mmCIF file of all heavy atoms, coordinates in Angstrom:
data_MODEL
# 
_entry.id   MODEL 
# 
loop_
_atom_site.group_PDB 
_atom_site.id 
_atom_site.type_symbol 
_atom_site.label_atom_id 
_atom_site.label_alt_id 
_atom_site.label_comp_id 
_atom_site.label_asym_id 
_atom_site.label_entity_id 
_atom_site.label_seq_id 
_atom_site.pdbx_PDB_ins_code 
_atom_site.Cartn_x 
_atom_site.Cartn_y 
_atom_site.Cartn_z 
_atom_site.occupancy 
_atom_site.B_iso_or_equiv 
_atom_site.pdbx_formal_charge 
_atom_site.auth_seq_id 
_atom_site.auth_comp_id 
_atom_site.auth_asym_id 
_atom_site.auth_atom_id 
_atom_site.pdbx_PDB_model_num 
ATOM 1   N N   . ARG A 1 1  ? 0.837  -1.197 0.000   1.00 0.00 ? 1  ARG A N   1 
ATOM 2   C CA  . ARG A 1 1  ? 0.000  0.000  0.000   1.00 0.00 ? 1  ARG A CA  1 
ATOM 3   C C   . ARG A 1 1  ? 0.874  1.250  0.000   1.00 0.00 ? 1  ARG A C   1 
ATOM 4   O O   . ARG A 1 1  ? 1.922  1.298  0.646   1.00 0.00 ? 1  ARG A O   1 
ATOM 5   C CB  . ARG A 1 1  ? -0.904 0.020  1.225   1.00 0.00 ? 1  ARG A CB  1 
ATOM 6   C CG  . ARG A 1 1  ? -1.880 -1.141 1.315   1.00 0.00 ? 1  ARG A CG  1 
ATOM 7   C CD  . ARG A 1 1  ? -2.734 -1.027 2.566   1.00 0.00 ? 1  ARG A CD  1 
ATOM 8   N NE  . ARG A 1 1  ? -1.925 -1.014 3.788   1.00 0.00 ? 1  ARG A NE  1 
ATOM 9   C CZ  . ARG A 1 1  ? -2.403 -0.737 5.002   1.00 0.00 ? 1  ARG A CZ  1 
ATOM 10  N NH1 . ARG A 1 1  ? -3.679 -0.429 5.154   1.00 0.00 ? 1  ARG A NH1 1 
ATOM 11  N NH2 . ARG A 1 1  ? -1.617 -0.771 6.063   1.00 0.00 ? 1  ARG A NH2 1 
ATOM 12  N N   . THR A 1 2  ? 0.406  2.284  -0.699  1.00 0.00 ? 2  THR A N   1 
ATOM 13  C CA  . THR A 1 2  ? 1.091  3.575  -0.718  1.00 0.00 ? 2  THR A CA  1 
ATOM 14  C C   . THR A 1 2  ? 0.103  4.663  -0.335  1.00 0.00 ? 2  THR A C   1 
ATOM 15  O O   . THR A 1 2  ? -0.953 4.801  -0.951  1.00 0.00 ? 2  THR A O   1 
ATOM 16  C CB  . THR A 1 2  ? 1.661  3.894  -2.119  1.00 0.00 ? 2  THR A CB  1 
ATOM 17  O OG1 . THR A 1 2  ? 2.499  2.816  -2.545  1.00 0.00 ? 2  THR A OG1 1 
ATOM 18  C CG2 . THR A 1 2  ? 2.482  5.179  -2.081  1.00 0.00 ? 2  THR A CG2 1 
ATOM 19  N N   . PHE A 1 3  ? 0.449  5.411  0.699   1.00 0.00 ? 3  PHE A N   1 
ATOM 20  C CA  . PHE A 1 3  ? -0.359 6.556  1.128   1.00 0.00 ? 3  PHE A CA  1 
ATOM 21  C C   . PHE A 1 3  ? 0.468  7.818  0.902   1.00 0.00 ? 3  PHE A C   1 
ATOM 22  O O   . PHE A 1 3  ? 1.569  7.943  1.437   1.00 0.00 ? 3  PHE A O   1 
ATOM 23  C CB  . PHE A 1 3  ? -0.749 6.444  2.598   1.00 0.00 ? 3  PHE A CB  1 
ATOM 24  C CG  . PHE A 1 3  ? -1.751 5.367  2.862   1.00 0.00 ? 3  PHE A CG  1 
ATOM 25  C CD1 . PHE A 1 3  ? -1.340 4.056  3.067   1.00 0.00 ? 3  PHE A CD1 1 
ATOM 26  C CD2 . PHE A 1 3  ? -3.113 5.648  2.879   1.00 0.00 ? 3  PHE A CD2 1 
ATOM 27  C CE1 . PHE A 1 3  ? -2.262 3.048  3.291   1.00 0.00 ? 3  PHE A CE1 1 
ATOM 28  C CE2 . PHE A 1 3  ? -4.040 4.652  3.105   1.00 0.00 ? 3  PHE A CE2 1 
ATOM 29  C CZ  . PHE A 1 3  ? -3.614 3.345  3.313   1.00 0.00 ? 3  PHE A CZ  1 
ATOM 30  N N   . LEU A 1 4  ? -0.060 8.737  0.088   1.00 0.00 ? 4  LEU A N   1 
ATOM 31  C CA  . LEU A 1 4  ? 0.642  9.974  -0.204  1.00 0.00 ? 4  LEU A CA  1 
ATOM 32  C C   . LEU A 1 4  ? -0.096 11.130 0.474   1.00 0.00 ? 4  LEU A C   1 
ATOM 33  O O   . LEU A 1 4  ? -1.208 11.481 0.087   1.00 0.00 ? 4  LEU A O   1 
ATOM 34  C CB  . LEU A 1 4  ? 0.743  10.200 -1.713  1.00 0.00 ? 4  LEU A CB  1 
ATOM 35  C CG  . LEU A 1 4  ? 1.847  11.164 -2.181  1.00 0.00 ? 4  LEU A CG  1 
ATOM 36  C CD1 . LEU A 1 4  ? 2.109  10.998 -3.677  1.00 0.00 ? 4  LEU A CD1 1 
ATOM 37  C CD2 . LEU A 1 4  ? 1.518  12.616 -1.890  1.00 0.00 ? 4  LEU A CD2 1 
ATOM 38  N N   . ILE A 1 5  ? 0.520  11.688 1.508   1.00 0.00 ? 5  ILE A N   1 
ATOM 39  C CA  . ILE A 1 5  ? -0.028 12.846 2.217   1.00 0.00 ? 5  ILE A CA  1 
ATOM 40  C C   . ILE A 1 5  ? 0.645  14.087 1.648   1.00 0.00 ? 5  ILE A C   1 
ATOM 41  O O   . ILE A 1 5  ? 1.877  14.163 1.627   1.00 0.00 ? 5  ILE A O   1 
ATOM 42  C CB  . ILE A 1 5  ? 0.288  12.765 3.725   1.00 0.00 ? 5  ILE A CB  1 
ATOM 43  C CG1 . ILE A 1 5  ? -0.133 11.420 4.311   1.00 0.00 ? 5  ILE A CG1 1 
ATOM 44  C CG2 . ILE A 1 5  ? -0.357 13.920 4.473   1.00 0.00 ? 5  ILE A CG2 1 
ATOM 45  C CD1 . ILE A 1 5  ? 0.550  11.103 5.633   1.00 0.00 ? 5  ILE A CD1 1 
ATOM 46  N N   . THR A 1 6  ? -0.124 15.040 1.184   1.00 0.00 ? 6  THR A N   1 
ATOM 47  C CA  . THR A 1 6  ? 0.499  16.264 0.690   1.00 0.00 ? 6  THR A CA  1 
ATOM 48  C C   . THR A 1 6  ? 0.011  17.478 1.473   1.00 0.00 ? 6  THR A C   1 
ATOM 49  O O   . THR A 1 6  ? -1.171 17.601 1.784   1.00 0.00 ? 6  THR A O   1 
ATOM 50  C CB  . THR A 1 6  ? 0.266  16.470 -0.822  1.00 0.00 ? 6  THR A CB  1 
ATOM 51  O OG1 . THR A 1 6  ? 1.012  17.624 -1.254  1.00 0.00 ? 6  THR A OG1 1 
ATOM 52  C CG2 . THR A 1 6  ? -1.203 16.652 -1.167  1.00 0.00 ? 6  THR A CG2 1 
ATOM 53  N N   . GLN A 1 7  ? 0.975  18.345 1.787   1.00 0.00 ? 7  GLN A N   1 
ATOM 54  C CA  . GLN A 1 7  ? 0.653  19.630 2.400   1.00 0.00 ? 7  GLN A CA  1 
ATOM 55  C C   . GLN A 1 7  ? 0.266  20.651 1.340   1.00 0.00 ? 7  GLN A C   1 
ATOM 56  O O   . GLN A 1 7  ? -0.212 21.737 1.662   1.00 0.00 ? 7  GLN A O   1 
ATOM 57  C CB  . GLN A 1 7  ? 1.859  20.161 3.176   1.00 0.00 ? 7  GLN A CB  1 
ATOM 58  C CG  . GLN A 1 7  ? 2.314  19.273 4.308   1.00 0.00 ? 7  GLN A CG  1 
ATOM 59  C CD  . GLN A 1 7  ? 3.553  19.822 4.962   1.00 0.00 ? 7  GLN A CD  1 
ATOM 60  O OE1 . GLN A 1 7  ? 3.489  20.682 5.836   1.00 0.00 ? 7  GLN A OE1 1 
ATOM 61  N NE2 . GLN A 1 7  ? 4.714  19.332 4.544   1.00 0.00 ? 7  GLN A NE2 1 
ATOM 62  N N   . ASN A 1 8  ? 0.513  20.315 0.074   1.00 0.00 ? 8  ASN A N   1 
ATOM 63  C CA  . ASN A 1 8  ? 0.276  21.250 -1.017  1.00 0.00 ? 8  ASN A CA  1 
ATOM 64  C C   . ASN A 1 8  ? -1.204 21.299 -1.385  1.00 0.00 ? 8  ASN A C   1 
ATOM 65  O O   . ASN A 1 8  ? -1.905 20.287 -1.321  1.00 0.00 ? 8  ASN A O   1 
ATOM 66  C CB  . ASN A 1 8  ? 1.084  20.846 -2.250  1.00 0.00 ? 8  ASN A CB  1 
ATOM 67  C CG  . ASN A 1 8  ? 2.573  20.809 -1.954  1.00 0.00 ? 8  ASN A CG  1 
ATOM 68  O OD1 . ASN A 1 8  ? 3.048  21.492 -1.046  1.00 0.00 ? 8  ASN A OD1 1 
ATOM 69  N ND2 . ASN A 1 8  ? 3.312  20.017 -2.700  1.00 0.00 ? 8  ASN A ND2 1 
ATOM 70  N N   . VAL A 1 9  ? -1.649 22.478 -1.795  1.00 0.00 ? 9  VAL A N   1 
ATOM 71  C CA  . VAL A 1 9  ? -3.041 22.629 -2.211  1.00 0.00 ? 9  VAL A CA  1 
ATOM 72  C C   . VAL A 1 9  ? -3.182 22.574 -3.729  1.00 0.00 ? 9  VAL A C   1 
ATOM 73  O O   . VAL A 1 9  ? -4.296 22.667 -4.247  1.00 0.00 ? 9  VAL A O   1 
ATOM 74  C CB  . VAL A 1 9  ? -3.656 23.934 -1.655  1.00 0.00 ? 9  VAL A CB  1 
ATOM 75  C CG1 . VAL A 1 9  ? -3.701 23.894 -0.141  1.00 0.00 ? 9  VAL A CG1 1 
ATOM 76  C CG2 . VAL A 1 9  ? -2.894 25.174 -2.140  1.00 0.00 ? 9  VAL A CG2 1 
ATOM 77  N N   . ASP A 1 10 ? -2.067 22.427 -4.442  1.00 0.00 ? 10 ASP A N   1 
ATOM 78  C CA  . ASP A 1 10 ? -2.150 22.256 -5.894  1.00 0.00 ? 10 ASP A CA  1 
ATOM 79  C C   . ASP A 1 10 ? -2.650 20.847 -6.202  1.00 0.00 ? 10 ASP A C   1 
ATOM 80  O O   . ASP A 1 10 ? -2.780 19.997 -5.318  1.00 0.00 ? 10 ASP A O   1 
ATOM 81  C CB  . ASP A 1 10 ? -0.797 22.531 -6.553  1.00 0.00 ? 10 ASP A CB  1 
ATOM 82  C CG  . ASP A 1 10 ? 0.298  21.548 -6.123  1.00 0.00 ? 10 ASP A CG  1 
ATOM 83  O OD1 . ASP A 1 10 ? 0.112  20.335 -6.323  1.00 0.00 ? 10 ASP A OD1 1 
ATOM 84  O OD2 . ASP A 1 10 ? 1.334  21.995 -5.584  1.00 0.00 ? 10 ASP A OD2 1 
ATOM 85  N N   . ASP A 1 11 ? -2.949 20.601 -7.474  1.00 0.00 ? 11 ASP A N   1 
ATOM 86  C CA  . ASP A 1 11 ? -3.475 19.292 -7.875  1.00 0.00 ? 11 ASP A CA  1 
ATOM 87  C C   . ASP A 1 11 ? -2.488 18.510 -8.727  1.00 0.00 ? 11 ASP A C   1 
ATOM 88  O O   . ASP A 1 11 ? -2.882 17.649 -9.517  1.00 0.00 ? 11 ASP A O   1 
ATOM 89  C CB  . ASP A 1 11 ? -4.797 19.462 -8.636  1.00 0.00 ? 11 ASP A CB  1 
ATOM 90  C CG  . ASP A 1 11 ? -4.621 20.221 -9.952  1.00 0.00 ? 11 ASP A CG  1 
ATOM 91  O OD1 . ASP A 1 11 ? -3.562 20.848 -10.153 1.00 0.00 ? 11 ASP A OD1 1 
ATOM 92  O OD2 . ASP A 1 11 ? -5.559 20.208 -10.775 1.00 0.00 ? 11 ASP A OD2 1 
ATOM 93  N N   . LEU A 1 12 ? -1.193 18.768 -8.565  1.00 0.00 ? 12 LEU A N   1 
ATOM 94  C CA  . LEU A 1 12 ? -0.195 18.149 -9.434  1.00 0.00 ? 12 LEU A CA  1 
ATOM 95  C C   . LEU A 1 12 ? -0.053 16.651 -9.174  1.00 0.00 ? 12 LEU A C   1 
ATOM 96  O O   . LEU A 1 12 ? 0.181  15.876 -10.104 1.00 0.00 ? 12 LEU A O   1 
ATOM 97  C CB  . LEU A 1 12 ? 1.150  18.864 -9.285  1.00 0.00 ? 12 LEU A CB  1 
ATOM 98  C CG  . LEU A 1 12 ? 1.125  20.349 -9.692  1.00 0.00 ? 12 LEU A CG  1 
ATOM 99  C CD1 . LEU A 1 12 ? 2.530  20.946 -9.648  1.00 0.00 ? 12 LEU A CD1 1 
ATOM 100 C CD2 . LEU A 1 12 ? 0.508  20.548 -11.079 1.00 0.00 ? 12 LEU A CD2 1 
ATOM 101 N N   . HIS A 1 13 ? -0.188 16.211 -7.927  1.00 0.00 ? 13 HIS A N   1 
ATOM 102 C CA  . HIS A 1 13 ? -0.189 14.768 -7.668  1.00 0.00 ? 13 HIS A CA  1 
ATOM 103 C C   . HIS A 1 13 ? -1.390 14.111 -8.343  1.00 0.00 ? 13 HIS A C   1 
ATOM 104 O O   . HIS A 1 13 ? -1.270 13.041 -8.942  1.00 0.00 ? 13 HIS A O   1 
ATOM 105 C CB  . HIS A 1 13 ? -0.254 14.493 -6.165  1.00 0.00 ? 13 HIS A CB  1 
ATOM 106 C CG  . HIS A 1 13 ? 1.028  14.733 -5.435  1.00 0.00 ? 13 HIS A CG  1 
ATOM 107 N ND1 . HIS A 1 13 ? 2.209  14.099 -5.764  1.00 0.00 ? 13 HIS A ND1 1 
ATOM 108 C CD2 . HIS A 1 13 ? 1.319  15.541 -4.364  1.00 0.00 ? 13 HIS A CD2 1 
ATOM 109 C CE1 . HIS A 1 13 ? 3.168  14.491 -4.936  1.00 0.00 ? 13 HIS A CE1 1 
ATOM 110 N NE2 . HIS A 1 13 ? 2.644  15.370 -4.091  1.00 0.00 ? 13 HIS A NE2 1 
ATOM 111 N N   . LEU A 1 14 ? -2.534 14.757 -8.246  1.00 0.00 ? 14 LEU A N   1 
ATOM 112 C CA  . LEU A 1 14 ? -3.753 14.216 -8.843  1.00 0.00 ? 14 LEU A CA  1 
ATOM 113 C C   . LEU A 1 14 ? -3.615 14.110 -10.353 1.00 0.00 ? 14 LEU A C   1 
ATOM 114 O O   . LEU A 1 14 ? -4.001 13.102 -10.964 1.00 0.00 ? 14 LEU A O   1 
ATOM 115 C CB  . LEU A 1 14 ? -4.940 15.108 -8.480  1.00 0.00 ? 14 LEU A CB  1 
ATOM 116 C CG  . LEU A 1 14 ? -6.337 14.573 -8.777  1.00 0.00 ? 14 LEU A CG  1 
ATOM 117 C CD1 . LEU A 1 14 ? -6.611 13.307 -7.983  1.00 0.00 ? 14 LEU A CD1 1 
ATOM 118 C CD2 . LEU A 1 14 ? -7.379 15.640 -8.477  1.00 0.00 ? 14 LEU A CD2 1 
ATOM 119 N N   . ARG A 1 15 ? -3.044 15.130 -10.973 1.00 0.00 ? 15 ARG A N   1 
ATOM 120 C CA  . ARG A 1 15 ? -2.864 15.103 -12.421 1.00 0.00 ? 15 ARG A CA  1 
ATOM 121 C C   . ARG A 1 15 ? -1.813 14.077 -12.846 1.00 0.00 ? 15 ARG A C   1 
ATOM 122 O O   . ARG A 1 15 ? -1.900 13.490 -13.927 1.00 0.00 ? 15 ARG A O   1 
ATOM 123 C CB  . ARG A 1 15 ? -2.502 16.492 -12.934 1.00 0.00 ? 15 ARG A CB  1 
ATOM 124 C CG  . ARG A 1 15 ? -3.711 17.404 -13.051 1.00 0.00 ? 15 ARG A CG  1 
ATOM 125 C CD  . ARG A 1 15 ? -3.375 18.617 -13.868 1.00 0.00 ? 15 ARG A CD  1 
ATOM 126 N NE  . ARG A 1 15 ? -3.039 19.756 -13.044 1.00 0.00 ? 15 ARG A NE  1 
ATOM 127 C CZ  . ARG A 1 15 ? -2.384 20.824 -13.477 1.00 0.00 ? 15 ARG A CZ  1 
ATOM 128 N NH1 . ARG A 1 15 ? -1.971 20.886 -14.726 1.00 0.00 ? 15 ARG A NH1 1 
ATOM 129 N NH2 . ARG A 1 15 ? -2.138 21.839 -12.667 1.00 0.00 ? 15 ARG A NH2 1 
ATOM 130 N N   . ALA A 1 16 ? -0.820 13.859 -11.999 1.00 0.00 ? 16 ALA A N   1 
ATOM 131 C CA  . ALA A 1 16 ? 0.223  12.879 -12.321 1.00 0.00 ? 16 ALA A CA  1 
ATOM 132 C C   . ALA A 1 16 ? -0.331 11.462 -12.381 1.00 0.00 ? 16 ALA A C   1 
ATOM 133 O O   . ALA A 1 16 ? 0.183  10.617 -13.114 1.00 0.00 ? 16 ALA A O   1 
ATOM 134 C CB  . ALA A 1 16 ? 1.351  12.953 -11.293 1.00 0.00 ? 16 ALA A CB  1 
ATOM 135 N N   . GLU A 1 17 ? -1.384 11.200 -11.616 1.00 0.00 ? 17 GLU A N   1 
ATOM 136 C CA  . GLU A 1 17 ? -1.948 9.850  -11.579 1.00 0.00 ? 17 GLU A CA  1 
ATOM 137 C C   . GLU A 1 17 ? -3.108 9.674  -12.540 1.00 0.00 ? 17 GLU A C   1 
ATOM 138 O O   . GLU A 1 17 ? -3.707 8.589  -12.610 1.00 0.00 ? 17 GLU A O   1 
ATOM 139 C CB  . GLU A 1 17 ? -2.415 9.520  -10.160 1.00 0.00 ? 17 GLU A CB  1 
ATOM 140 C CG  . GLU A 1 17 ? -3.595 10.352 -9.693  1.00 0.00 ? 17 GLU A CG  1 
ATOM 141 C CD  . GLU A 1 17 ? -3.886 10.197 -8.210  1.00 0.00 ? 17 GLU A CD  1 
ATOM 142 O OE1 . GLU A 1 17 ? -2.993 10.510 -7.418  1.00 0.00 ? 17 GLU A OE1 1 
ATOM 143 O OE2 . GLU A 1 17 ? -5.012 9.783  -7.872  1.00 0.00 ? 17 GLU A OE2 1 
ATOM 144 N N   . ALA A 1 18 ? -3.461 10.712 -13.299 1.00 0.00 ? 18 ALA A N   1 
ATOM 145 C CA  . ALA A 1 18 ? -4.631 10.665 -14.181 1.00 0.00 ? 18 ALA A CA  1 
ATOM 146 C C   . ALA A 1 18 ? -4.545 9.498  -15.159 1.00 0.00 ? 18 ALA A C   1 
ATOM 147 O O   . ALA A 1 18 ? -3.525 9.293  -15.819 1.00 0.00 ? 18 ALA A O   1 
ATOM 148 C CB  . ALA A 1 18 ? -4.764 11.976 -14.945 1.00 0.00 ? 18 ALA A CB  1 
ATOM 149 N N   . GLY A 1 19 ? -5.629 8.735  -15.236 1.00 0.00 ? 19 GLY A N   1 
ATOM 150 C CA  . GLY A 1 19 ? -5.707 7.641  -16.200 1.00 0.00 ? 19 GLY A CA  1 
ATOM 151 C C   . GLY A 1 19 ? -5.042 6.353  -15.764 1.00 0.00 ? 19 GLY A C   1 
ATOM 152 O O   . GLY A 1 19 ? -5.101 5.353  -16.486 1.00 0.00 ? 19 GLY A O   1 
ATOM 153 N N   . LYS A 1 20 ? -4.418 6.341  -14.588 1.00 0.00 ? 20 LYS A N   1 
ATOM 154 C CA  . LYS A 1 20 ? -3.726 5.139  -14.128 1.00 0.00 ? 20 LYS A CA  1 
ATOM 155 C C   . LYS A 1 20 ? -4.565 4.424  -13.070 1.00 0.00 ? 20 LYS A C   1 
ATOM 156 O O   . LYS A 1 20 ? -5.189 5.059  -12.231 1.00 0.00 ? 20 LYS A O   1 
ATOM 157 C CB  . LYS A 1 20 ? -2.349 5.502  -13.560 1.00 0.00 ? 20 LYS A CB  1 
ATOM 158 C CG  . LYS A 1 20 ? -1.404 6.089  -14.603 1.00 0.00 ? 20 LYS A CG  1 
ATOM 159 C CD  . LYS A 1 20 ? -0.055 6.394  -13.987 1.00 0.00 ? 20 LYS A CD  1 
ATOM 160 C CE  . LYS A 1 20 ? 0.938  6.839  -15.068 1.00 0.00 ? 20 LYS A CE  1 
ATOM 161 N NZ  . LYS A 1 20 ? 0.543  8.085  -15.702 1.00 0.00 ? 20 LYS A NZ  1 
ATOM 162 N N   . LYS A 1 21 ? -4.561 3.118  -13.116 1.00 0.00 ? 21 LYS A N   1 
ATOM 163 C CA  . LYS A 1 21 ? -5.256 2.328  -12.112 1.00 0.00 ? 21 LYS A CA  1 
ATOM 164 C C   . LYS A 1 21 ? -4.306 2.078  -10.946 1.00 0.00 ? 21 LYS A C   1 
ATOM 165 O O   . LYS A 1 21 ? -3.268 1.429  -11.110 1.00 0.00 ? 21 LYS A O   1 
ATOM 166 C CB  . LYS A 1 21 ? -5.728 1.011  -12.719 1.00 0.00 ? 21 LYS A CB  1 
ATOM 167 C CG  . LYS A 1 21 ? -6.802 1.182  -13.787 1.00 0.00 ? 21 LYS A CG  1 
ATOM 168 C CD  . LYS A 1 21 ? -7.280 -0.159 -14.327 1.00 0.00 ? 21 LYS A CD  1 
ATOM 169 C CE  . LYS A 1 21 ? -8.365 0.045  -15.374 1.00 0.00 ? 21 LYS A CE  1 
ATOM 170 N NZ  . LYS A 1 21 ? -8.848 -1.255 -15.927 1.00 0.00 ? 21 LYS A NZ  1 
ATOM 171 N N   . LEU A 1 22 ? -4.687 2.601  -9.781  1.00 0.00 ? 22 LEU A N   1 
ATOM 172 C CA  . LEU A 1 22 ? -3.818 2.513  -8.600  1.00 0.00 ? 22 LEU A CA  1 
ATOM 173 C C   . LEU A 1 22 ? -4.646 1.993  -7.418  1.00 0.00 ? 22 LEU A C   1 
ATOM 174 O O   . LEU A 1 22 ? -4.995 2.733  -6.505  1.00 0.00 ? 22 LEU A O   1 
ATOM 175 C CB  . LEU A 1 22 ? -3.229 3.898  -8.277  1.00 0.00 ? 22 LEU A CB  1 
ATOM 176 C CG  . LEU A 1 22 ? -2.507 4.609  -9.440  1.00 0.00 ? 22 LEU A CG  1 
ATOM 177 C CD1 . LEU A 1 22 ? -2.178 6.046  -9.059  1.00 0.00 ? 22 LEU A CD1 1 
ATOM 178 C CD2 . LEU A 1 22 ? -1.230 3.853  -9.804  1.00 0.00 ? 22 LEU A CD2 1 
ATOM 179 N N   . PRO A 1 23 ? -4.952 0.706  -7.398  1.00 0.00 ? 23 PRO A N   1 
ATOM 180 C CA  . PRO A 1 23 ? -5.870 0.165  -6.387  1.00 0.00 ? 23 PRO A CA  1 
ATOM 181 C C   . PRO A 1 23 ? -5.308 0.162  -4.967  1.00 0.00 ? 23 PRO A C   1 
ATOM 182 O O   . PRO A 1 23 ? -6.073 0.101  -3.999  1.00 0.00 ? 23 PRO A O   1 
ATOM 183 C CB  . PRO A 1 23 ? -6.135 -1.256 -6.879  1.00 0.00 ? 23 PRO A CB  1 
ATOM 184 C CG  . PRO A 1 23 ? -4.933 -1.600 -7.707  1.00 0.00 ? 23 PRO A CG  1 
ATOM 185 C CD  . PRO A 1 23 ? -4.528 -0.325 -8.365  1.00 0.00 ? 23 PRO A CD  1 
ATOM 186 N N   . ARG A 1 24 ? -4.000 0.210  -4.808  1.00 0.00 ? 24 ARG A N   1 
ATOM 187 C CA  . ARG A 1 24 ? -3.398 0.140  -3.468  1.00 0.00 ? 24 ARG A CA  1 
ATOM 188 C C   . ARG A 1 24 ? -2.831 1.490  -3.034  1.00 0.00 ? 24 ARG A C   1 
ATOM 189 O O   . ARG A 1 24 ? -1.926 1.555  -2.212  1.00 0.00 ? 24 ARG A O   1 
ATOM 190 C CB  . ARG A 1 24 ? -2.300 -0.932 -3.450  1.00 0.00 ? 24 ARG A CB  1 
ATOM 191 C CG  . ARG A 1 24 ? -2.808 -2.332 -3.792  1.00 0.00 ? 24 ARG A CG  1 
ATOM 192 C CD  . ARG A 1 24 ? -1.693 -3.358 -3.830  1.00 0.00 ? 24 ARG A CD  1 
ATOM 193 N NE  . ARG A 1 24 ? -0.665 -3.011 -4.810  1.00 0.00 ? 24 ARG A NE  1 
ATOM 194 C CZ  . ARG A 1 24 ? -0.761 -3.248 -6.118  1.00 0.00 ? 24 ARG A CZ  1 
ATOM 195 N NH1 . ARG A 1 24 ? -1.840 -3.824 -6.607  1.00 0.00 ? 24 ARG A NH1 1 
ATOM 196 N NH2 . ARG A 1 24 ? 0.226  -2.905 -6.928  1.00 0.00 ? 24 ARG A NH2 1 
ATOM 197 N N   . TYR A 1 25 ? -3.392 2.571  -3.598  1.00 0.00 ? 25 TYR A N   1 
ATOM 198 C CA  . TYR A 1 25 ? -2.843 3.910  -3.387  1.00 0.00 ? 25 TYR A CA  1 
ATOM 199 C C   . TYR A 1 25 ? -3.939 4.861  -2.934  1.00 0.00 ? 25 TYR A C   1 
ATOM 200 O O   . TYR A 1 25 ? -5.079 4.771  -3.373  1.00 0.00 ? 25 TYR A O   1 
ATOM 201 C CB  . TYR A 1 25 ? -2.244 4.407  -4.702  1.00 0.00 ? 25 TYR A CB  1 
ATOM 202 C CG  . TYR A 1 25 ? -1.951 5.884  -4.796  1.00 0.00 ? 25 TYR A CG  1 
ATOM 203 C CD1 . TYR A 1 25 ? -0.776 6.419  -4.273  1.00 0.00 ? 25 TYR A CD1 1 
ATOM 204 C CD2 . TYR A 1 25 ? -2.837 6.744  -5.445  1.00 0.00 ? 25 TYR A CD2 1 
ATOM 205 C CE1 . TYR A 1 25 ? -0.500 7.771  -4.383  1.00 0.00 ? 25 TYR A CE1 1 
ATOM 206 C CE2 . TYR A 1 25 ? -2.563 8.098  -5.562  1.00 0.00 ? 25 TYR A CE2 1 
ATOM 207 C CZ  . TYR A 1 25 ? -1.396 8.606  -5.025  1.00 0.00 ? 25 TYR A CZ  1 
ATOM 208 O OH  . TYR A 1 25 ? -1.125 9.946  -5.145  1.00 0.00 ? 25 TYR A OH  1 
ATOM 209 N N   . LYS A 1 26 ? -3.588 5.778  -2.021  1.00 0.00 ? 26 LYS A N   1 
ATOM 210 C CA  . LYS A 1 26 ? -4.542 6.803  -1.602  1.00 0.00 ? 26 LYS A CA  1 
ATOM 211 C C   . LYS A 1 26 ? -3.814 8.134  -1.445  1.00 0.00 ? 26 LYS A C   1 
ATOM 212 O O   . LYS A 1 26 ? -2.759 8.206  -0.812  1.00 0.00 ? 26 LYS A O   1 
ATOM 213 C CB  . LYS A 1 26 ? -5.214 6.416  -0.284  1.00 0.00 ? 26 LYS A CB  1 
ATOM 214 C CG  . LYS A 1 26 ? -6.400 7.323  0.072   1.00 0.00 ? 26 LYS A CG  1 
ATOM 215 C CD  . LYS A 1 26 ? -7.197 6.756  1.211   1.00 0.00 ? 26 LYS A CD  1 
ATOM 216 C CE  . LYS A 1 26 ? -8.446 7.586  1.496   1.00 0.00 ? 26 LYS A CE  1 
ATOM 217 N NZ  . LYS A 1 26 ? -9.397 7.612  0.380   1.00 0.00 ? 26 LYS A NZ  1 
ATOM 218 N N   . LEU A 1 27 ? -4.401 9.191  -2.013  1.00 0.00 ? 27 LEU A N   1 
ATOM 219 C CA  . LEU A 1 27 ? -3.869 10.547 -1.913  1.00 0.00 ? 27 LEU A CA  1 
ATOM 220 C C   . LEU A 1 27 ? -4.662 11.314 -0.869  1.00 0.00 ? 27 LEU A C   1 
ATOM 221 O O   . LEU A 1 27 ? -5.897 11.348 -0.922  1.00 0.00 ? 27 LEU A O   1 
ATOM 222 C CB  . LEU A 1 27 ? -3.958 11.249 -3.268  1.00 0.00 ? 27 LEU A CB  1 
ATOM 223 C CG  . LEU A 1 27 ? -3.590 12.743 -3.301  1.00 0.00 ? 27 LEU A CG  1 
ATOM 224 C CD1 . LEU A 1 27 ? -2.120 12.950 -2.950  1.00 0.00 ? 27 LEU A CD1 1 
ATOM 225 C CD2 . LEU A 1 27 ? -3.898 13.333 -4.681  1.00 0.00 ? 27 LEU A CD2 1 
ATOM 226 N N   . LEU A 1 28 ? -3.955 11.953 0.068   1.00 0.00 ? 28 LEU A N   1 
ATOM 227 C CA  . LEU A 1 28 ? -4.595 12.681 1.156   1.00 0.00 ? 28 LEU A CA  1 
ATOM 228 C C   . LEU A 1 28 ? -4.102 14.129 1.164   1.00 0.00 ? 28 LEU A C   1 
ATOM 229 O O   . LEU A 1 28 ? -3.044 14.435 1.724   1.00 0.00 ? 28 LEU A O   1 
ATOM 230 C CB  . LEU A 1 28 ? -4.275 12.015 2.501   1.00 0.00 ? 28 LEU A CB  1 
ATOM 231 C CG  . LEU A 1 28 ? -4.655 10.535 2.627   1.00 0.00 ? 28 LEU A CG  1 
ATOM 232 C CD1 . LEU A 1 28 ? -4.086 9.951  3.904   1.00 0.00 ? 28 LEU A CD1 1 
ATOM 233 C CD2 . LEU A 1 28 ? -6.165 10.372 2.590   1.00 0.00 ? 28 LEU A CD2 1 
ATOM 234 N N   . PRO A 1 29 ? -4.851 15.063 0.548   1.00 0.00 ? 29 PRO A N   1 
ATOM 235 C CA  . PRO A 1 29 ? -4.476 16.484 0.574   1.00 0.00 ? 29 PRO A CA  1 
ATOM 236 C C   . PRO A 1 29 ? -4.880 17.114 1.912   1.00 0.00 ? 29 PRO A C   1 
ATOM 237 O O   . PRO A 1 29 ? -5.964 17.670 2.050   1.00 0.00 ? 29 PRO A O   1 
ATOM 238 C CB  . PRO A 1 29 ? -5.234 17.075 -0.613  1.00 0.00 ? 29 PRO A CB  1 
ATOM 239 C CG  . PRO A 1 29 ? -6.399 16.169 -0.813  1.00 0.00 ? 29 PRO A CG  1 
ATOM 240 C CD  . PRO A 1 29 ? -6.024 14.812 -0.309  1.00 0.00 ? 29 PRO A CD  1 
# 
């Protein structure tokens, strides 16, 4: 599992993962 916590309010992590299937991943802004 990968949990990505970001302090940033931009959406660059979200855009980087666009179109990819990441079932074991969660982004927490």
